[in-house]
Amino acid sequence: MTNKTNHPMEALLASSSLSNIKQGTEMDAKILSLSKKNVLFDVGAKAHALLGERELKEIATYLPYLQEGSSVRIRIISAESREGYPVVSMRTFFEKGKWQILAEKKKNEEDIEVVCGEYGKGGVFVDFMGIRGVIPKIQLTVDYLEDPSKLQGQRIEVKVLEVDELKNRLVVSQKASVLKISQKDLHERFDKIKVDSTYEATVLGVSEFGIFCEVEGVEGLVHISEISWEKVSNASMYVKQGEKIQVLVVEKNENDLKLNLSIKRLAHDPWREIEGKYPKDKEIEGEVVRKERYGYFVRLEPGVEGLIHISKLSGSEDFAIGQKIKVFVERISGKERRMSLLLPQTEKPVFYR
């Protein structure tokens, strides 16, 4: 009576040949069978091999990203196991292959599933098969912009925006996944936007860096230095989330399809005619706005500040922030946007120079 093999795995293994299979050999092998219980490979030379039991426990994490017929990098760890078949390791794939998956997902604009972690300055941190990535705040949908920490612990679908194995960098977008934003559409929108042109922008959020906006479906940043001609320390004092504002496109970043924007360049530059406006022999009233170790900064008008250097002080001055004082212009440069001020006095300070 002839014994019959009914299990498909046993049938495949029965046809294996161990010709030229040596321990330590690395190769690309085709996946023939794939499940949590076993993974069977075609390792060439009419031979089949099994994934080792230790690594089989890790395979569940990768099952959504693997499929029968695909090739992965493996290494022979035993030319012949107790069952008589080669045993292989996918360690190279576990360490490198996930970056290949990410690169493919980015290329094909396919979603991946990530686990969200804590929210920090850079955005919401995420985990993909052990790779740490980030969802920048600007890449969140409106319902999460106000409180990104609500995502912590959630499994969500995202699109890959940037992936760089050498820099260990992964940037993803929750918004692109939810809104089905394709790179082709984004490129078309980006190409239509013109530098030195004015657009209406929607405020997506603010941070210590400035104001995140959306212009014609393209993301941009008004850096904190581009909000006002005055010194800005808190961007949230100027705009609110969801507000519509006018911005000037200063620069287009072709690498990441982002815009550098400005609000202040749409307003009059107070330094443009500054040298004629404040002659040296004219006494001016200003407001003390900052005290530094090297002197006092005095605001003459919005966006225009001058410095009374410590070398021009007697040492007895104790001006309060907000105090109005009289000053004279010592030197002024509209090009460098700098102004040196003096206090009214009958005698020069000891260290005057």
Protein backbone atom coordinates (compact mmCIF):
# COMPACT_ATOMS: atom_id res chain seq x y z
CA MET A 1 0.00 0.00 0.00
CA THR A 2 1.41 3.36 -1.00
CA ASN A 3 1.51 6.21 1.57
CA LYS A 4 -0.06 9.44 0.30
CA THR A 5 0.94 12.91 1.40
CA ASN A 6 -2.12 15.13 1.82
CA HIS A 7 -0.60 18.22 3.48
CA PRO A 8 0.57 20.76 0.83
CA MET A 9 3.61 21.69 2.93
CA GLU A 10 4.71 18.08 3.13
CA ALA A 11 4.23 17.70 -0.61
CA LEU A 12 6.44 20.69 -1.30
CA LEU A 13 9.13 19.53 1.06
CA ALA A 14 9.03 16.05 -0.39
CA SER A 15 10.21 17.45 -3.71
CA SER A 16 13.16 19.30 -2.18
CA SER A 17 16.75 18.66 -3.11
CA LEU A 18 19.58 19.83 -0.87
CA SER A 19 22.04 20.26 -3.72
CA ASN A 20 24.63 23.04 -3.20
CA ILE A 21 22.91 24.44 -0.07
CA LYS A 22 25.62 25.54 2.38
CA GLN A 23 25.42 27.09 5.83
CA GLY A 24 26.03 30.87 5.81
CA THR A 25 24.99 31.36 2.18
CA GLU A 26 22.93 34.51 1.56
CA MET A 27 20.50 34.74 -1.34
CA ASP A 28 17.19 36.12 -2.52
CA ALA A 29 14.53 33.44 -2.10
CA LYS A 30 10.94 33.28 -3.31
CA ILE A 31 8.21 32.78 -0.71
CA LEU A 32 6.17 29.68 -1.61
CA SER A 33 3.97 29.45 1.46
CA LEU A 34 3.29 32.02 4.14
CA SER A 35 1.51 31.85 7.49
CA LYS A 36 2.07 32.34 11.22
CA LYS A 37 2.89 28.62 11.55
CA ASN A 38 5.41 28.26 8.75
CA VAL A 39 7.16 30.04 5.90
CA LEU A 40 8.45 27.99 2.98
CA PHE A 41 11.04 29.29 0.50
CA ASP A 42 12.31 28.28 -2.91
CA VAL A 43 16.09 28.52 -2.47
CA GLY A 44 16.97 27.33 -5.97
CA ALA A 45 18.56 24.12 -7.20
CA LYS A 46 15.12 22.51 -6.88
CA ALA A 47 15.36 22.93 -3.12
CA HIS A 48 12.96 24.28 -0.53
CA ALA A 49 13.72 25.59 2.95
CA LEU A 50 11.90 26.57 6.12
CA LEU A 51 12.13 29.65 8.33
CA GLY A 52 13.69 28.89 11.72
CA GLU A 53 11.33 28.50 14.68
CA ARG A 54 12.81 31.43 16.61
CA GLU A 55 12.19 33.90 13.80
CA LEU A 56 8.83 32.33 13.00
CA LYS A 57 7.61 33.98 16.21
CA GLU A 58 8.41 37.39 14.69
CA ILE A 59 6.77 36.84 11.32
CA ALA A 60 3.28 37.97 12.38
CA THR A 61 4.47 41.59 12.40
CA TYR A 62 5.50 41.35 8.76
CA LEU A 63 2.65 39.25 7.32
CA PRO A 64 0.63 42.29 6.08
CA TYR A 65 3.64 43.38 4.00
CA LEU A 66 4.68 40.02 2.54
CA GLN A 67 2.99 37.79 0.02
CA GLU A 68 3.51 34.46 -1.67
CA GLY A 69 5.63 34.86 -4.80
CA SER A 70 7.65 37.82 -3.50
CA SER A 71 11.42 37.56 -2.98
CA VAL A 72 13.25 38.41 0.23
CA ARG A 73 16.83 38.19 1.41
CA ILE A 74 17.56 35.06 3.47
CA ARG A 75 20.61 33.27 4.91
CA ILE A 76 21.06 29.52 5.30
CA ILE A 77 21.62 28.82 9.00
CA SER A 78 21.43 25.03 8.79
CA ALA A 79 21.97 22.97 5.66
CA GLU A 80 19.91 20.13 7.07
CA SER A 81 17.59 20.24 10.08
CA ARG A 82 16.25 17.28 12.07
CA GLU A 83 13.44 17.07 9.54
CA GLY A 84 16.00 16.86 6.74
CA TYR A 85 15.43 20.29 5.18
CA PRO A 86 17.48 23.52 5.16
CA VAL A 87 16.60 26.17 7.75
CA VAL A 88 16.93 29.85 6.88
CA SER A 89 17.02 33.21 8.66
CA MET A 90 15.23 36.37 7.58
CA ARG A 91 17.28 38.55 9.92
CA THR A 92 18.68 40.57 7.01
CA PHE A 93 15.15 41.23 5.83
CA PHE A 94 13.94 42.09 9.34
CA GLU A 95 16.72 44.68 9.61
CA LYS A 96 16.81 45.99 6.04
CA GLY A 97 13.69 44.72 4.29
CA LYS A 98 11.29 46.97 6.16
CA TRP A 99 13.09 49.98 4.66
CA GLN A 100 12.55 48.40 1.23
CA ILE A 101 8.86 48.01 2.06
CA LEU A 102 8.67 51.69 3.01
CA ALA A 103 10.43 52.73 -0.19
CA GLU A 104 7.99 50.65 -2.24
CA LYS A 105 4.99 52.04 -0.36
CA LYS A 106 6.21 55.58 -0.99
CA LYS A 107 6.83 54.86 -4.67
CA ASN A 108 3.39 53.30 -5.14
CA GLU A 109 1.68 55.83 -2.81
CA GLU A 110 0.21 53.03 -0.73
CA ASP A 111 -0.85 53.36 2.89
CA ILE A 112 0.93 51.69 5.79
CA GLU A 113 -0.33 51.06 9.31
CA VAL A 114 1.59 52.63 12.18
CA VAL A 115 1.18 52.76 15.94
CA CYS A 116 1.08 56.30 17.33
CA GLY A 117 3.19 57.28 20.31
CA GLU A 118 3.63 60.50 22.23
CA TYR A 119 3.32 64.00 20.79
CA GLY A 120 6.48 66.12 20.88
CA LYS A 121 7.92 69.23 19.24
CA GLY A 122 8.44 67.46 15.93
CA GLY A 123 4.94 66.01 15.77
CA VAL A 124 3.33 62.67 16.64
CA PHE A 125 5.91 59.90 16.89
CA VAL A 126 4.96 56.58 15.28
CA ASP A 127 6.30 53.04 15.06
CA PHE A 128 6.44 50.92 11.92
CA MET A 129 7.89 47.45 12.48
CA GLY A 130 10.38 48.89 14.97
CA ILE A 131 11.27 51.92 12.86
CA ARG A 132 10.55 55.20 14.63
CA GLY A 133 8.98 57.88 12.48
CA VAL A 134 6.99 61.07 12.86
CA ILE A 135 3.79 62.68 11.65
CA PRO A 136 4.54 66.42 11.54
CA LYS A 137 1.70 68.43 13.06
CA ILE A 138 1.01 69.99 9.68
CA GLN A 139 0.34 66.48 8.33
CA LEU A 140 -2.60 65.86 10.67
CA THR A 141 -6.24 66.35 9.77
CA VAL A 142 -8.06 69.31 11.34
CA ASP A 143 -9.73 67.18 14.04
CA TYR A 144 -6.29 66.31 15.49
CA LEU A 145 -4.51 69.64 14.99
CA GLU A 146 -5.78 71.15 18.23
CA ASP A 147 -4.88 68.11 20.34
CA PRO A 148 -2.46 65.73 18.55
CA SER A 149 -1.98 63.73 21.77
CA LYS A 150 -5.40 62.13 21.13
CA LEU A 151 -3.66 59.85 18.62
CA GLN A 152 -1.41 58.22 21.22
CA GLY A 153 -1.87 54.44 21.26
CA GLN A 154 -3.96 54.38 18.07
CA ARG A 155 -3.25 52.27 14.99
CA ILE A 156 -3.82 54.44 11.94
CA GLU A 157 -3.24 54.44 8.19
CA VAL A 158 -0.70 56.92 6.83
CA LYS A 159 1.16 57.67 3.61
CA VAL A 160 4.94 57.73 3.42
CA LEU A 161 6.34 61.18 2.62
CA GLU A 162 10.06 60.68 3.30
CA VAL A 163 12.08 57.52 3.89
CA ASP A 164 15.86 57.44 4.27
CA GLU A 165 17.52 54.37 5.76
CA LEU A 166 20.97 56.01 6.03
CA LYS A 167 19.56 58.90 8.08
CA ASN A 168 17.13 56.58 9.91
CA ARG A 169 14.41 59.02 8.85
CA LEU A 170 10.72 58.26 8.31
CA VAL A 171 8.12 61.00 7.81
CA VAL A 172 4.48 60.09 7.20
CA SER A 173 1.17 61.87 6.70
CA GLN A 174 -2.14 61.04 8.32
CA LYS A 175 -3.85 63.79 6.34
CA ALA A 176 -2.67 62.49 2.95
CA SER A 177 -4.08 59.07 3.77
CA VAL A 178 -7.46 60.29 5.01
CA LEU A 179 -7.94 62.85 2.23
CA LYS A 180 -6.51 60.55 -0.48
CA ILE A 181 -3.94 63.15 -1.55
CA SER A 182 -1.69 61.80 -4.30
CA GLN A 183 1.82 63.03 -5.06
CA LYS A 184 0.80 63.63 -8.66
CA ASP A 185 -1.99 66.00 -7.58
CA LEU A 186 0.33 67.69 -5.09
CA HIS A 187 2.99 68.25 -7.77
CA GLU A 188 0.39 69.81 -10.08
CA ARG A 189 -0.80 72.18 -7.34
CA PHE A 190 2.77 73.02 -6.37
CA ASP A 191 3.78 73.81 -9.97
CA LYS A 192 0.92 76.29 -10.35
CA ILE A 193 2.03 78.43 -7.42
CA LYS A 194 4.26 81.39 -8.34
CA VAL A 195 7.08 82.91 -6.30
CA ASP A 196 6.59 86.62 -5.40
CA SER A 197 2.83 86.23 -5.77
CA THR A 198 0.20 86.84 -3.09
CA TYR A 199 -2.27 84.12 -2.06
CA GLU A 200 -4.96 83.52 0.52
CA ALA A 201 -3.77 80.95 3.04
CA THR A 202 -5.58 78.91 5.67
CA VAL A 203 -3.86 78.74 9.06
CA LEU A 204 -3.37 75.08 10.02
CA GLY A 205 -1.57 75.74 13.29
CA VAL A 206 1.22 77.62 15.02
CA SER A 207 4.45 76.58 16.70
CA GLU A 208 7.62 78.15 18.04
CA PHE A 209 8.88 78.16 14.43
CA GLY A 210 6.01 80.16 12.97
CA ILE A 211 2.65 79.70 11.27
CA PHE A 212 1.77 76.56 9.31
CA CYS A 213 -0.48 77.34 6.36
CA GLU A 214 -2.10 75.76 3.35
CA VAL A 215 -2.00 77.61 0.03
CA GLU A 216 -4.00 76.18 -2.87
CA GLY A 217 -3.70 72.73 -1.29
CA VAL A 218 0.07 73.06 -0.73
CA GLU A 219 1.68 73.35 2.70
CA GLY A 220 3.82 76.27 3.69
CA LEU A 221 5.43 77.97 6.66
CA VAL A 222 5.50 81.61 7.64
CA HIS A 223 8.68 81.56 9.70
CA ILE A 224 8.44 83.56 12.91
CA SER A 225 10.89 86.09 11.44
CA GLU A 226 8.52 86.65 8.50
CA ILE A 227 5.36 87.41 10.50
CA SER A 228 5.97 91.07 11.26
CA TRP A 229 8.63 93.75 10.91
CA GLU A 230 8.49 93.84 14.71
CA LYS A 231 10.23 91.16 16.78
CA VAL A 232 7.78 88.28 17.28
CA SER A 233 8.13 85.92 20.24
CA ASN A 234 4.73 84.19 20.07
CA ALA A 235 3.10 83.47 16.70
CA SER A 236 -0.24 82.57 18.30
CA MET A 237 -0.71 86.24 19.21
CA TYR A 238 -1.05 87.07 15.50
CA VAL A 239 -3.29 84.36 14.06
CA LYS A 240 -5.78 81.65 15.01
CA GLN A 241 -6.20 78.15 13.60
CA GLY A 242 -8.61 78.15 10.66
CA GLU A 243 -8.14 81.86 9.96
CA LYS A 244 -7.69 83.09 6.39
CA ILE A 245 -4.65 85.34 5.87
CA GLN A 246 -2.80 86.95 2.98
CA VAL A 247 0.74 85.66 2.36
CA LEU A 248 3.53 86.22 -0.12
CA VAL A 249 5.32 83.19 -1.57
CA VAL A 250 9.01 83.82 -0.92
CA GLU A 251 10.44 80.47 -1.99
CA LYS A 252 9.36 77.04 -3.28
CA ASN A 253 11.18 74.01 -1.93
CA GLU A 254 11.22 71.48 -4.76
CA ASN A 255 12.59 68.67 -2.56
CA ASP A 256 9.66 68.41 -0.18
CA LEU A 257 7.02 70.43 -2.09
CA LYS A 258 6.74 73.05 0.65
CA LEU A 259 6.44 76.83 0.51
CA ASN A 260 8.29 79.51 2.43
CA LEU A 261 5.82 82.33 3.04
CA SER A 262 5.81 85.86 4.42
CA ILE A 263 3.20 88.14 5.93
CA LYS A 264 5.43 91.10 6.74
CA ARG A 265 6.63 91.57 3.14
CA LEU A 266 3.08 92.53 2.18
CA ALA A 267 3.31 95.45 4.60
CA HIS A 268 5.41 98.59 4.31
CA ASP A 269 9.03 98.07 5.34
CA PRO A 270 9.69 100.76 7.99
CA TRP A 271 13.45 100.59 7.31
CA ARG A 272 13.10 101.56 3.67
CA GLU A 273 13.40 105.34 4.21
CA ILE A 274 14.79 105.13 7.74
CA GLU A 275 17.95 107.20 7.25
CA GLY A 276 16.02 110.27 6.12
CA LYS A 277 13.35 109.86 8.76
CA TYR A 278 15.65 109.92 11.81
CA PRO A 279 18.44 112.52 11.42
CA LYS A 280 21.23 112.53 13.99
CA ASP A 281 20.44 115.98 15.40
CA LYS A 282 16.80 115.20 16.20
CA GLU A 283 15.67 114.16 19.66
CA ILE A 284 13.26 111.20 19.49
CA GLU A 285 11.01 109.56 22.05
CA GLY A 286 11.17 105.78 22.17
CA GLU A 287 10.02 102.88 24.33
CA VAL A 288 12.41 100.53 26.13
CA VAL A 289 11.48 97.02 24.95
CA ARG A 290 14.40 94.80 26.03
CA LYS A 291 17.38 94.82 28.34
CA GLU A 292 20.38 92.73 27.33
CA ARG A 293 23.80 92.38 28.93
CA TYR A 294 25.20 94.67 26.22
CA GLY A 295 22.59 97.43 26.50
CA TYR A 296 18.97 98.51 26.03
CA PHE A 297 16.79 98.11 22.93
CA VAL A 298 14.47 101.03 22.28
CA ARG A 299 11.54 100.93 19.86
CA LEU A 300 11.05 104.13 17.87
CA GLU A 301 8.09 102.81 15.87
CA PRO A 302 6.63 99.38 15.08
CA GLY A 303 9.40 97.34 13.43
CA VAL A 304 12.17 99.83 14.18
CA GLU A 305 14.42 99.31 17.20
CA GLY A 306 17.77 100.79 18.12
CA LEU A 307 20.41 99.84 20.66
CA ILE A 308 21.89 101.97 23.41
CA HIS A 309 25.13 100.09 23.86
CA ILE A 310 26.42 99.58 27.39
CA SER A 311 29.54 101.57 26.46
CA LYS A 312 27.29 104.62 25.95
CA LEU A 313 25.75 104.35 29.43
CA SER A 314 27.00 105.82 32.68
CA GLY A 315 26.02 102.71 34.64
CA SER A 316 23.43 104.45 36.78
CA GLU A 317 20.57 103.92 34.34
CA ASP A 318 17.83 101.52 35.37
CA PHE A 319 15.16 101.73 32.70
CA ALA A 320 11.99 99.66 33.02
CA ILE A 321 10.53 97.72 30.12
CA GLY A 322 7.85 99.91 28.59
CA GLN A 323 9.41 103.14 29.86
CA LYS A 324 9.41 106.11 27.47
CA ILE A 325 12.79 107.79 27.09
CA LYS A 326 14.44 110.42 24.90
CA VAL A 327 17.26 109.34 22.55
CA PHE A 328 19.41 110.57 19.67
CA VAL A 329 20.55 108.54 16.65
CA GLU A 330 24.31 107.96 16.63
CA ARG A 331 24.58 105.68 13.58
CA ILE A 332 22.00 104.15 11.30
CA SER A 333 22.08 101.62 8.43
CA GLY A 334 18.90 100.82 6.55
CA LYS A 335 20.70 98.09 4.61
CA GLU A 336 21.84 96.25 7.75
CA ARG A 337 18.67 97.24 9.65
CA ARG A 338 20.70 98.50 12.58
CA MET A 339 20.57 101.67 14.63
CA SER A 340 22.87 102.90 17.41
CA LEU A 341 21.31 105.31 19.91
CA LEU A 342 22.58 107.78 22.53
CA LEU A 343 20.93 109.27 25.56
CA PRO A 344 20.71 113.08 25.78
CA GLN A 345 23.66 114.23 27.89
CA THR A 346 25.91 117.17 28.53
CA GLU A 347 29.03 115.04 29.02
CA LYS A 348 30.17 111.94 27.21
CA PRO A 349 30.44 108.68 29.19
CA VAL A 350 33.91 107.75 30.41
CA PHE A 351 34.08 104.85 27.96
CA TYR A 352 32.61 106.77 25.01
CA ARG A 353 33.95 105.67 21.67
